[in-house]
Each structure stands twice: as structure tokens, then as C-alpha cells.
């Protein structure tokens, strides 16, 4: 992938947890030397946000239905820190596979 991976980070209100999750993803991406761009929004606006941002994957801290057209990850470990490293590995492995 010649461009940064676009990650749509969503929560219930797009105020608190999506911002925290996005910051954590950006910091981890920098540590791993992976270029990403995080876009934030509300789970209720999923379809509109996908059309607008054309993300490579979604990380949601609120409940979201699985999708056939895009990878969806639960962002809860970014908030609770339980399983956070595993989630980072899954997200950045998925991004690496997109580059192949």
C-alpha cells in the first residue's frame, strides 16, 4: 500500500473513547513505523462514514455488526488495556497483508 492505511475509529458518541482509541492506534503505528490515518465517528453513522472516508478497516469501542465488505475490530481492549497488545498485532498484521 503506497498510502497510509485509513482506520475508522468509532464509539457511541464520537466524543471520548473513539478519541482515546485513535490516539493509542496512532502511537502504536508510530512505534511500529506504519503509516495510518485515523478518522473518527459514531457507530450510528457507520454507512455514511464508510462512504465518506473509504476506510481500510474499522475499530469500534461500541457494538457494531460484522460486515462482509470491511474488517471490523473491537476496540474495547484499547480502553480496558486487557488484550491490547493482541489487538495491536491483529490490526497491524491486517494492514501488512493489505500491502501484499
PDB file of N, CA and C in Angstrom:
ATOM      1  N   UNK A   1       0.863  -1.162   0.000  1.00  0.00           N
ATOM      2  CA  UNK A   1       0.000   0.000   0.000  1.00  0.00           C
ATOM      3  C   UNK A   1       0.915   1.233   0.000  1.00  0.00           C
ATOM      4  N   UNK A   2       0.753   2.074  -0.979  1.00  0.00           N
ATOM      5  CA  UNK A   2       1.588   3.264  -1.111  1.00  0.00           C
ATOM      6  C   UNK A   2       1.067   4.459  -0.331  1.00  0.00           C
ATOM      7  N   UNK A   3      -0.026   4.261   0.362  1.00  0.00           N
ATOM      8  CA  UNK A   3      -0.643   5.342   1.123  1.00  0.00           C
ATOM      9  C   UNK A   3      -0.839   4.872   2.560  1.00  0.00           C
ATOM     10  N   UNK A   4      -1.081   5.803   3.467  1.00  0.00           N
ATOM     11  CA  UNK A   4      -1.374   5.378   4.841  1.00  0.00           C
ATOM     12  C   UNK A   4      -2.671   4.574   4.889  1.00  0.00           C
ATOM     13  N   UNK A   5      -2.717   3.587   5.760  1.00  0.00           N
ATOM     14  CA  UNK A   5      -3.951   2.835   5.981  1.00  0.00           C
ATOM     15  C   UNK A   5      -4.945   3.749   6.686  1.00  0.00           C
ATOM     16  N   UNK A   6      -6.182   3.719   6.235  1.00  0.00           N
ATOM     17  CA  UNK A   6      -7.231   4.533   6.848  1.00  0.00           C
ATOM     18  C   UNK A   6      -8.016   3.647   7.813  1.00  0.00           C
ATOM     19  N   UNK A   7      -8.010   4.069   9.080  1.00  0.00           N
ATOM     20  CA  UNK A   7      -8.732   3.333  10.116  1.00  0.00           C
ATOM     21  C   UNK A   7      -9.884   4.208  10.594  1.00  0.00           C
ATOM     22  N   UNK A   8     -11.088   3.676  10.499  1.00  0.00           N
ATOM     23  CA  UNK A   8     -12.270   4.364  11.011  1.00  0.00           C
ATOM     24  C   UNK A   8     -12.459   3.911  12.454  1.00  0.00           C
ATOM     25  N   UNK A   9     -12.298   4.828  13.403  1.00  0.00           N
ATOM     26  CA  UNK A   9     -12.408   4.532  14.822  1.00  0.00           C
ATOM     27  C   UNK A   9     -13.742   5.106  15.306  1.00  0.00           C
ATOM     28  N   UNK A  10     -14.590   4.229  15.834  1.00  0.00           N
ATOM     29  CA  UNK A  10     -15.934   4.667  16.203  1.00  0.00           C
ATOM     30  C   UNK A  10     -16.300   4.277  17.629  1.00  0.00           C
ATOM     31  N   UNK A  11     -17.171   5.092  18.211  1.00  0.00           N
ATOM     32  CA  UNK A  11     -17.753   4.788  19.508  1.00  0.00           C
ATOM     33  C   UNK A  11     -19.213   5.242  19.465  1.00  0.00           C
ATOM     34  N   UNK A  12     -19.868   5.219  20.604  1.00  0.00           N
ATOM     35  CA  UNK A  12     -21.286   5.591  20.640  1.00  0.00           C
ATOM     36  C   UNK A  12     -21.545   7.047  20.340  1.00  0.00           C
ATOM     37  N   UNK A  13     -20.662   7.934  20.810  1.00  0.00           N
ATOM     38  CA  UNK A  13     -20.924   9.367  20.660  1.00  0.00           C
ATOM     39  C   UNK A  13     -19.869  10.123  19.869  1.00  0.00           C
ATOM     40  N   UNK A  14     -18.748   9.484  19.575  1.00  0.00           N
ATOM     41  CA  UNK A  14     -17.616  10.108  18.884  1.00  0.00           C
ATOM     42  C   UNK A  14     -17.022  11.256  19.698  1.00  0.00           C
ATOM     43  N   UNK A  15     -17.078  11.115  21.015  1.00  0.00           N
ATOM     44  CA  UNK A  15     -16.519  12.154  21.877  1.00  0.00           C
ATOM     45  C   UNK A  15     -15.304  11.638  22.644  1.00  0.00           C
ATOM     46  N   UNK A  16     -15.463  10.569  23.390  1.00  0.00           N
ATOM     47  CA  UNK A  16     -14.399  10.171  24.302  1.00  0.00           C
ATOM     48  C   UNK A  16     -13.612   8.950  23.848  1.00  0.00           C
ATOM     49  N   UNK A  17     -14.268   7.797  23.827  1.00  0.00           N
ATOM     50  CA  UNK A  17     -13.491   6.571  23.614  1.00  0.00           C
ATOM     51  C   UNK A  17     -12.921   6.461  22.202  1.00  0.00           C
ATOM     52  N   UNK A  18     -13.592   7.004  21.208  1.00  0.00           N
ATOM     53  CA  UNK A  18     -13.008   6.939  19.857  1.00  0.00           C
ATOM     54  C   UNK A  18     -11.751   7.793  19.787  1.00  0.00           C
ATOM     55  N   UNK A  19     -11.730   8.913  20.489  1.00  0.00           N
ATOM     56  CA  UNK A  19     -10.533   9.753  20.519  1.00  0.00           C
ATOM     57  C   UNK A  19      -9.383   9.047  21.229  1.00  0.00           C
ATOM     58  N   UNK A  20      -9.666   8.438  22.381  1.00  0.00           N
ATOM     59  CA  UNK A  20      -8.641   7.709  23.112  1.00  0.00           C
ATOM     60  C   UNK A  20      -8.097   6.552  22.274  1.00  0.00           C
ATOM     61  N   UNK A  21      -8.990   5.789  21.653  1.00  0.00           N
ATOM     62  CA  UNK A  21      -8.567   4.655  20.827  1.00  0.00           C
ATOM     63  C   UNK A  21      -7.730   5.126  19.638  1.00  0.00           C
ATOM     64  N   UNK A  22      -8.129   6.213  19.009  1.00  0.00           N
ATOM     65  CA  UNK A  22      -7.386   6.739  17.860  1.00  0.00           C
ATOM     66  C   UNK A  22      -5.974   7.167  18.269  1.00  0.00           C
ATOM     67  N   UNK A  23      -5.854   7.838  19.406  1.00  0.00           N
ATOM     68  CA  UNK A  23      -4.536   8.266  19.884  1.00  0.00           C
ATOM     69  C   UNK A  23      -3.653   7.050  20.144  1.00  0.00           C
ATOM     70  N   UNK A  24      -4.208   6.029  20.772  1.00  0.00           N
ATOM     71  CA  UNK A  24      -3.430   4.823  21.050  1.00  0.00           C
ATOM     72  C   UNK A  24      -2.986   4.140  19.761  1.00  0.00           C
ATOM     73  N   UNK A  25      -3.885   4.068  18.773  1.00  0.00           N
ATOM     74  CA  UNK A  25      -3.524   3.455  17.493  1.00  0.00           C
ATOM     75  C   UNK A  25      -2.440   4.264  16.788  1.00  0.00           C
ATOM     76  N   UNK A  26      -2.543   5.572  16.822  1.00  0.00           N
ATOM     77  CA  UNK A  26      -1.537   6.429  16.183  1.00  0.00           C
ATOM     78  C   UNK A  26      -0.176   6.272  16.854  1.00  0.00           C
ATOM     79  N   UNK A  27      -0.162   6.183  18.184  1.00  0.00           N
ATOM     80  CA  UNK A  27       1.098   5.997  18.907  1.00  0.00           C
ATOM     81  C   UNK A  27       1.727   4.641  18.587  1.00  0.00           C
ATOM     82  N   UNK A  28       0.898   3.604  18.535  1.00  0.00           N
ATOM     83  CA  UNK A  28       1.415   2.267  18.227  1.00  0.00           C
ATOM     84  C   UNK A  28       1.898   2.202  16.783  1.00  0.00           C
ATOM     85  N   UNK A  29       1.196   2.854  15.890  1.00  0.00           N
ATOM     86  CA  UNK A  29       1.623   2.882  14.484  1.00  0.00           C
ATOM     87  C   UNK A  29       2.986   3.564  14.353  1.00  0.00           C
ATOM     88  N   UNK A  30       3.154   4.637  15.063  1.00  0.00           N
ATOM     89  CA  UNK A  30       4.441   5.345  15.039  1.00  0.00           C
ATOM     90  C   UNK A  30       5.550   4.434  15.567  1.00  0.00           C
ATOM     91  N   UNK A  31       5.258   3.726  16.666  1.00  0.00           N
ATOM     92  CA  UNK A  31       6.234   2.810  17.259  1.00  0.00           C
ATOM     93  C   UNK A  31       6.612   1.702  16.274  1.00  0.00           C
ATOM     94  N   UNK A  32       5.620   1.226  15.510  1.00  0.00           N
ATOM     95  CA  UNK A  32       5.852   0.143  14.545  1.00  0.00           C
ATOM     96  C   UNK A  32       6.280   0.661  13.173  1.00  0.00           C
ATOM     97  N   UNK A  33       6.352   1.970  13.041  1.00  0.00           N
ATOM     98  CA  UNK A  33       6.727   2.608  11.771  1.00  0.00           C
ATOM     99  C   UNK A  33       5.768   2.243  10.634  1.00  0.00           C
ATOM    100  N   UNK A  34       4.477   2.307  10.958  1.00  0.00           N
ATOM    101  CA  UNK A  34       3.410   2.044   9.991  1.00  0.00           C
ATOM    102  C   UNK A  34       2.625   3.337   9.836  1.00  0.00           C
ATOM    103  N   UNK A  35       2.372   3.716   8.597  1.00  0.00           N
ATOM    104  CA  UNK A  35       1.615   4.950   8.354  1.00  0.00           C
ATOM    105  C   UNK A  35       0.123   4.659   8.358  1.00  0.00           C
ATOM    106  N   UNK A  36      -0.574   5.381   9.249  1.00  0.00           N
ATOM    107  CA  UNK A  36      -2.036   5.264   9.310  1.00  0.00           C
ATOM    108  C   UNK A  36      -2.641   6.656   9.422  1.00  0.00           C
ATOM    109  N   UNK A  37      -3.915   6.726   9.092  1.00  0.00           N
ATOM    110  CA  UNK A  37      -4.728   7.913   9.328  1.00  0.00           C
ATOM    111  C   UNK A  37      -5.986   7.423  10.031  1.00  0.00           C
ATOM    112  N   UNK A  38      -6.277   8.010  11.184  1.00  0.00           N
ATOM    113  CA  UNK A  38      -7.491   7.645  11.912  1.00  0.00           C
ATOM    114  C   UNK A  38      -8.573   8.686  11.658  1.00  0.00           C
ATOM    115  N   UNK A  39      -9.726   8.208  11.273  1.00  0.00           N
ATOM    116  CA  UNK A  39     -10.924   9.037  11.137  1.00  0.00           C
ATOM    117  C   UNK A  39     -11.874   8.588  12.233  1.00  0.00           C
ATOM    118  N   UNK A  40     -12.596   9.508  12.842  1.00  0.00           N
ATOM    119  CA  UNK A  40     -13.449   9.161  13.969  1.00  0.00           C
ATOM    120  C   UNK A  40     -14.914   9.446  13.672  1.00  0.00           C
ATOM    121  N   UNK A  41     -15.780   8.704  14.361  1.00  0.00           N
ATOM    122  CA  UNK A  41     -17.198   8.924  14.185  1.00  0.00           C
ATOM    123  C   UNK A  41     -18.037   8.066  15.102  1.00  0.00           C
ATOM    124  N   UNK A  42     -19.360   8.179  14.917  1.00  0.00           N
ATOM    125  CA  UNK A  42     -20.336   7.433  15.715  1.00  0.00           C
ATOM    126  C   UNK A  42     -20.720   6.146  15.007  1.00  0.00           C
ATOM    127  N   UNK A  43     -20.929   5.108  15.796  1.00  0.00           N
ATOM    128  CA  UNK A  43     -21.375   3.827  15.242  1.00  0.00           C
ATOM    129  C   UNK A  43     -22.688   4.006  14.478  1.00  0.00           C
ATOM    130  N   UNK A  44     -23.559   4.869  14.947  1.00  0.00           N
ATOM    131  CA  UNK A  44     -24.847   5.098  14.278  1.00  0.00           C
ATOM    132  C   UNK A  44     -24.668   5.613  12.854  1.00  0.00           C
ATOM    133  N   UNK A  45     -23.518   6.217  12.562  1.00  0.00           N
ATOM    134  CA  UNK A  45     -23.254   6.789  11.236  1.00  0.00           C
ATOM    135  C   UNK A  45     -22.339   5.907  10.378  1.00  0.00           C
ATOM    136  N   UNK A  46     -22.239   4.630  10.715  1.00  0.00           N
ATOM    137  CA  UNK A  46     -21.281   3.732  10.066  1.00  0.00           C
ATOM    138  C   UNK A  46     -21.323   3.811   8.544  1.00  0.00           C
ATOM    139  N   UNK A  47     -22.474   3.625   7.944  1.00  0.00           N
ATOM    140  CA  UNK A  47     -22.542   3.571   6.473  1.00  0.00           C
ATOM    141  C   UNK A  47     -22.104   4.883   5.827  1.00  0.00           C
ATOM    142  N   UNK A  48     -22.535   5.987   6.390  1.00  0.00           N
ATOM    143  CA  UNK A  48     -22.150   7.301   5.860  1.00  0.00           C
ATOM    144  C   UNK A  48     -20.645   7.517   5.997  1.00  0.00           C
ATOM    145  N   UNK A  49     -20.085   7.132   7.144  1.00  0.00           N
ATOM    146  CA  UNK A  49     -18.651   7.300   7.373  1.00  0.00           C
ATOM    147  C   UNK A  49     -17.826   6.431   6.426  1.00  0.00           C
ATOM    148  N   UNK A  50     -18.297   5.229   6.159  1.00  0.00           N
ATOM    149  CA  UNK A  50     -17.591   4.352   5.222  1.00  0.00           C
ATOM    150  C   UNK A  50     -17.597   4.968   3.826  1.00  0.00           C
ATOM    151  N   UNK A  51     -18.736   5.505   3.415  1.00  0.00           N
ATOM    152  CA  UNK A  51     -18.811   6.152   2.103  1.00  0.00           C
ATOM    153  C   UNK A  51     -17.891   7.367   2.031  1.00  0.00           C
ATOM    154  N   UNK A  52     -17.841   8.145   3.105  1.00  0.00           N
ATOM    155  CA  UNK A  52     -17.040   9.369   3.120  1.00  0.00           C
ATOM    156  C   UNK A  52     -15.541   9.107   3.188  1.00  0.00           C
ATOM    157  N   UNK A  53     -15.131   8.195   4.093  1.00  0.00           N
ATOM    158  CA  UNK A  53     -13.705   8.008   4.364  1.00  0.00           C
ATOM    159  C   UNK A  53     -13.069   6.827   3.643  1.00  0.00           C
ATOM    160  N   UNK A  54     -13.877   5.893   3.139  1.00  0.00           N
ATOM    161  CA  UNK A  54     -13.368   4.692   2.479  1.00  0.00           C
ATOM    162  C   UNK A  54     -12.244   4.034   3.294  1.00  0.00           C
ATOM    163  N   UNK A  55     -12.552   3.667   4.550  1.00  0.00           N
ATOM    164  CA  UNK A  55     -11.523   3.115   5.423  1.00  0.00           C
ATOM    165  C   UNK A  55     -11.074   1.717   4.997  1.00  0.00           C
ATOM    166  N   UNK A  56      -9.859   1.376   5.404  1.00  0.00           N
ATOM    167  CA  UNK A  56      -9.338   0.032   5.156  1.00  0.00           C
ATOM    168  C   UNK A  56      -9.832  -0.939   6.218  1.00  0.00           C
ATOM    169  N   UNK A  57     -10.103  -0.417   7.406  1.00  0.00           N
ATOM    170  CA  UNK A  57     -10.657  -1.238   8.479  1.00  0.00           C
ATOM    171  C   UNK A  57     -11.327  -0.346   9.511  1.00  0.00           C
ATOM    172  N   UNK A  58     -12.115  -0.993  10.370  1.00  0.00           N
ATOM    173  CA  UNK A  58     -12.870  -0.292  11.405  1.00  0.00           C
ATOM    174  C   UNK A  58     -12.442  -0.813  12.770  1.00  0.00           C
ATOM    175  N   UNK A  59     -12.294   0.101  13.717  1.00  0.00           N
ATOM    176  CA  UNK A  59     -12.080  -0.255  15.118  1.00  0.00           C
ATOM    177  C   UNK A  59     -13.193   0.454  15.888  1.00  0.00           C
ATOM    178  N   UNK A  60     -14.040  -0.328  16.549  1.00  0.00           N
ATOM    179  CA  UNK A  60     -15.195   0.247  17.244  1.00  0.00           C
ATOM    180  C   UNK A  60     -15.168  -0.113  18.719  1.00  0.00           C
ATOM    181  N   UNK A  61     -15.327   0.894  19.560  1.00  0.00           N
ATOM    182  CA  UNK A  61     -15.390   0.650  21.002  1.00  0.00           C
ATOM    183  C   UNK A  61     -16.819   0.401  21.459  1.00  0.00           C
ATOM    184  N   UNK A  62     -17.767   0.526  20.558  1.00  0.00           N
ATOM    185  CA  UNK A  62     -19.175   0.219  20.834  1.00  0.00           C
ATOM    186  C   UNK A  62     -19.579  -0.966  19.951  1.00  0.00           C
ATOM    187  N   UNK A  63     -20.724  -1.518  20.241  1.00  0.00           N
ATOM    188  CA  UNK A  63     -21.218  -2.674  19.484  1.00  0.00           C
ATOM    189  C   UNK A  63     -21.456  -2.296  18.026  1.00  0.00           C
ATOM    190  N   UNK A  64     -20.950  -3.124  17.124  1.00  0.00           N
ATOM    191  CA  UNK A  64     -21.160  -2.920  15.696  1.00  0.00           C
ATOM    192  C   UNK A  64     -21.345  -4.281  15.038  1.00  0.00           C
ATOM    193  N   UNK A  65     -22.217  -4.321  14.065  1.00  0.00           N
ATOM    194  CA  UNK A  65     -22.456  -5.577  13.350  1.00  0.00           C
ATOM    195  C   UNK A  65     -21.254  -5.914  12.480  1.00  0.00           C
ATOM    196  N   UNK A  66     -20.911  -7.204  12.402  1.00  0.00           N
ATOM    197  CA  UNK A  66     -19.846  -7.602  11.480  1.00  0.00           C
ATOM    198  C   UNK A  66     -20.246  -7.252  10.048  1.00  0.00           C
ATOM    199  N   UNK A  67     -19.257  -7.016   9.217  1.00  0.00           N
ATOM    200  CA  UNK A  67     -19.518  -6.628   7.826  1.00  0.00           C
ATOM    201  C   UNK A  67     -18.764  -7.570   6.902  1.00  0.00           C
ATOM    202  N   UNK A  68     -19.309  -7.748   5.719  1.00  0.00           N
ATOM    203  CA  UNK A  68     -18.643  -8.572   4.714  1.00  0.00           C
ATOM    204  C   UNK A  68     -17.643  -7.772   3.892  1.00  0.00           C
ATOM    205  N   UNK A  69     -17.804  -6.451   3.862  1.00  0.00           N
ATOM    206  CA  UNK A  69     -17.009  -5.614   2.964  1.00  0.00           C
ATOM    207  C   UNK A  69     -15.779  -4.981   3.605  1.00  0.00           C
ATOM    208  N   UNK A  70     -15.649  -5.066   4.935  1.00  0.00           N
ATOM    209  CA  UNK A  70     -14.533  -4.410   5.616  1.00  0.00           C
ATOM    210  C   UNK A  70     -14.265  -5.111   6.949  1.00  0.00           C
ATOM    211  N   UNK A  71     -12.990  -5.206   7.303  1.00  0.00           N
ATOM    212  CA  UNK A  71     -12.622  -5.804   8.584  1.00  0.00           C
ATOM    213  C   UNK A  71     -13.073  -4.913   9.729  1.00  0.00           C
ATOM    214  N   UNK A  72     -13.664  -5.534  10.756  1.00  0.00           N
ATOM    215  CA  UNK A  72     -14.123  -4.805  11.929  1.00  0.00           C
ATOM    216  C   UNK A  72     -13.460  -5.423  13.158  1.00  0.00           C
ATOM    217  N   UNK A  73     -12.832  -4.564  13.959  1.00  0.00           N
ATOM    218  CA  UNK A  73     -12.194  -4.999  15.193  1.00  0.00           C
ATOM    219  C   UNK A  73     -12.886  -4.340  16.373  1.00  0.00           C
ATOM    220  N   UNK A  74     -12.999  -5.080  17.480  1.00  0.00           N
ATOM    221  CA  UNK A  74     -13.497  -4.485  18.716  1.00  0.00           C
ATOM    222  C   UNK A  74     -12.369  -3.669  19.325  1.00  0.00           C
ATOM    223  N   UNK A  75     -12.628  -2.406  19.579  1.00  0.00           N
ATOM    224  CA  UNK A  75     -11.635  -1.527  20.176  1.00  0.00           C
ATOM    225  C   UNK A  75     -11.658  -1.511  21.695  1.00  0.00           C
ATOM    226  N   UNK A  76     -12.475  -2.351  22.308  1.00  0.00           N
ATOM    227  CA  UNK A  76     -12.583  -2.380  23.761  1.00  0.00           C
ATOM    228  C   UNK A  76     -11.220  -2.587  24.437  1.00  0.00           C
ATOM    229  N   UNK A  77     -10.345  -3.468  23.918  1.00  0.00           N
ATOM    230  CA  UNK A  77      -9.034  -3.616  24.554  1.00  0.00           C
ATOM    231  C   UNK A  77      -8.207  -2.326  24.592  1.00  0.00           C
ATOM    232  N   UNK A  78      -8.468  -1.400  23.698  1.00  0.00           N
ATOM    233  CA  UNK A  78      -7.752  -0.129  23.727  1.00  0.00           C
ATOM    234  C   UNK A  78      -8.194   0.730  24.910  1.00  0.00           C
ATOM    235  N   UNK A  79      -9.389   0.489  25.398  1.00  0.00           N
ATOM    236  CA  UNK A  79      -9.926   1.239  26.532  1.00  0.00           C
ATOM    237  C   UNK A  79      -9.601   0.524  27.844  1.00  0.00           C
ATOM    238  N   UNK A  80      -9.809  -0.796  27.854  1.00  0.00           N
ATOM    239  CA  UNK A  80      -9.594  -1.569  29.090  1.00  0.00           C
ATOM    240  C   UNK A  80      -8.134  -1.967  29.278  1.00  0.00           C
ATOM    241  N   UNK A  81      -7.366  -1.979  28.211  1.00  0.00           N
ATOM    242  CA  UNK A  81      -5.973  -2.455  28.114  1.00  0.00           C
ATOM    243  C   UNK A  81      -5.848  -3.971  28.214  1.00  0.00           C
ATOM    244  N   UNK A  82      -6.935  -4.679  28.488  1.00  0.00           N
ATOM    245  CA  UNK A  82      -6.892  -6.138  28.539  1.00  0.00           C
ATOM    246  C   UNK A  82      -6.947  -6.663  27.104  1.00  0.00           C
ATOM    247  N   UNK A  83      -5.874  -7.303  26.683  1.00  0.00           N
ATOM    248  CA  UNK A  83      -5.790  -7.808  25.318  1.00  0.00           C
ATOM    249  C   UNK A  83      -5.335  -6.763  24.312  1.00  0.00           C
ATOM    250  N   UNK A  84      -4.833  -5.643  24.793  1.00  0.00           N
ATOM    251  CA  UNK A  84      -4.442  -4.545  23.906  1.00  0.00           C
ATOM    252  C   UNK A  84      -3.320  -4.938  22.944  1.00  0.00           C
ATOM    253  N   UNK A  85      -2.292  -5.597  23.428  1.00  0.00           N
ATOM    254  CA  UNK A  85      -1.169  -5.984  22.558  1.00  0.00           C
ATOM    255  C   UNK A  85      -1.625  -6.953  21.467  1.00  0.00           C
ATOM    256  N   UNK A  86      -2.492  -7.880  21.842  1.00  0.00           N
ATOM    257  CA  UNK A  86      -3.029  -8.838  20.857  1.00  0.00           C
ATOM    258  C   UNK A  86      -3.808  -8.087  19.773  1.00  0.00           C
ATOM    259  N   UNK A  87      -4.613  -7.116  20.193  1.00  0.00           N
ATOM    260  CA  UNK A  87      -5.379  -6.334  19.227  1.00  0.00           C
ATOM    261  C   UNK A  87      -4.448  -5.554  18.305  1.00  0.00           C
ATOM    262  N   UNK A  88      -3.420  -4.918  18.870  1.00  0.00           N
ATOM    263  CA  UNK A  88      -2.445  -4.212  18.030  1.00  0.00           C
ATOM    264  C   UNK A  88      -1.866  -5.157  16.978  1.00  0.00           C
ATOM    265  N   UNK A  89      -1.469  -6.349  17.415  1.00  0.00           N
ATOM    266  CA  UNK A  89      -0.893  -7.313  16.479  1.00  0.00           C
ATOM    267  C   UNK A  89      -1.887  -7.662  15.371  1.00  0.00           C
ATOM    268  N   UNK A  90      -3.143  -7.894  15.741  1.00  0.00           N
ATOM    269  CA  UNK A  90      -4.166  -8.248  14.743  1.00  0.00           C
ATOM    270  C   UNK A  90      -4.385  -7.106  13.746  1.00  0.00           C
ATOM    271  N   UNK A  91      -4.476  -5.890  14.247  1.00  0.00           N
ATOM    272  CA  UNK A  91      -4.717  -4.741  13.373  1.00  0.00           C
ATOM    273  C   UNK A  91      -3.536  -4.511  12.440  1.00  0.00           C
ATOM    274  N   UNK A  92      -2.326  -4.497  12.987  1.00  0.00           N
ATOM    275  CA  UNK A  92      -1.168  -4.198  12.149  1.00  0.00           C
ATOM    276  C   UNK A  92      -0.784  -5.365  11.241  1.00  0.00           C
ATOM    277  N   UNK A  93      -1.136  -6.604  11.626  1.00  0.00           N
ATOM    278  CA  UNK A  93      -0.965  -7.738  10.706  1.00  0.00           C
ATOM    279  C   UNK A  93      -1.936  -7.593   9.531  1.00  0.00           C
ATOM    280  N   UNK A  94      -3.171  -7.179   9.816  1.00  0.00           N
ATOM    281  CA  UNK A  94      -4.154  -6.974   8.732  1.00  0.00           C
ATOM    282  C   UNK A  94      -3.681  -5.879   7.776  1.00  0.00           C
ATOM    283  N   UNK A  95      -3.113  -4.807   8.314  1.00  0.00           N
ATOM    284  CA  UNK A  95      -2.598  -3.737   7.468  1.00  0.00           C
ATOM    285  C   UNK A  95      -1.438  -4.239   6.612  1.00  0.00           C
ATOM    286  N   UNK A  96      -0.552  -5.014   7.205  1.00  0.00           N
ATOM    287  CA  UNK A  96       0.586  -5.572   6.452  1.00  0.00           C
ATOM    288  C   UNK A  96       0.104  -6.453   5.318  1.00  0.00           C
ATOM    289  N   UNK A  97      -0.956  -7.219   5.535  1.00  0.00           N
ATOM    290  CA  UNK A  97      -1.496  -8.088   4.483  1.00  0.00           C
ATOM    291  C   UNK A  97      -2.100  -7.259   3.344  1.00  0.00           C
ATOM    292  N   UNK A  98      -2.602  -6.087   3.649  1.00  0.00           N
ATOM    293  CA  UNK A  98      -3.168  -5.219   2.605  1.00  0.00           C
ATOM    294  C   UNK A  98      -2.067  -4.714   1.673  1.00  0.00           C
ATOM    295  N   UNK A  99      -0.855  -4.675   2.179  1.00  0.00           N
ATOM    296  CA  UNK A  99       0.274  -4.183   1.392  1.00  0.00           C
ATOM    297  C   UNK A  99       0.783  -5.219   0.410  1.00  0.00           C
ATOM    298  N   UNK A 100       0.448  -6.494   0.660  1.00  0.00           N
ATOM    299  CA  UNK A 100       0.930  -7.576  -0.235  1.00  0.00           C
ATOM    300  C   UNK A 100       0.288  -7.529  -1.596  1.00  0.00           C
TER     301      UNK A 100
END
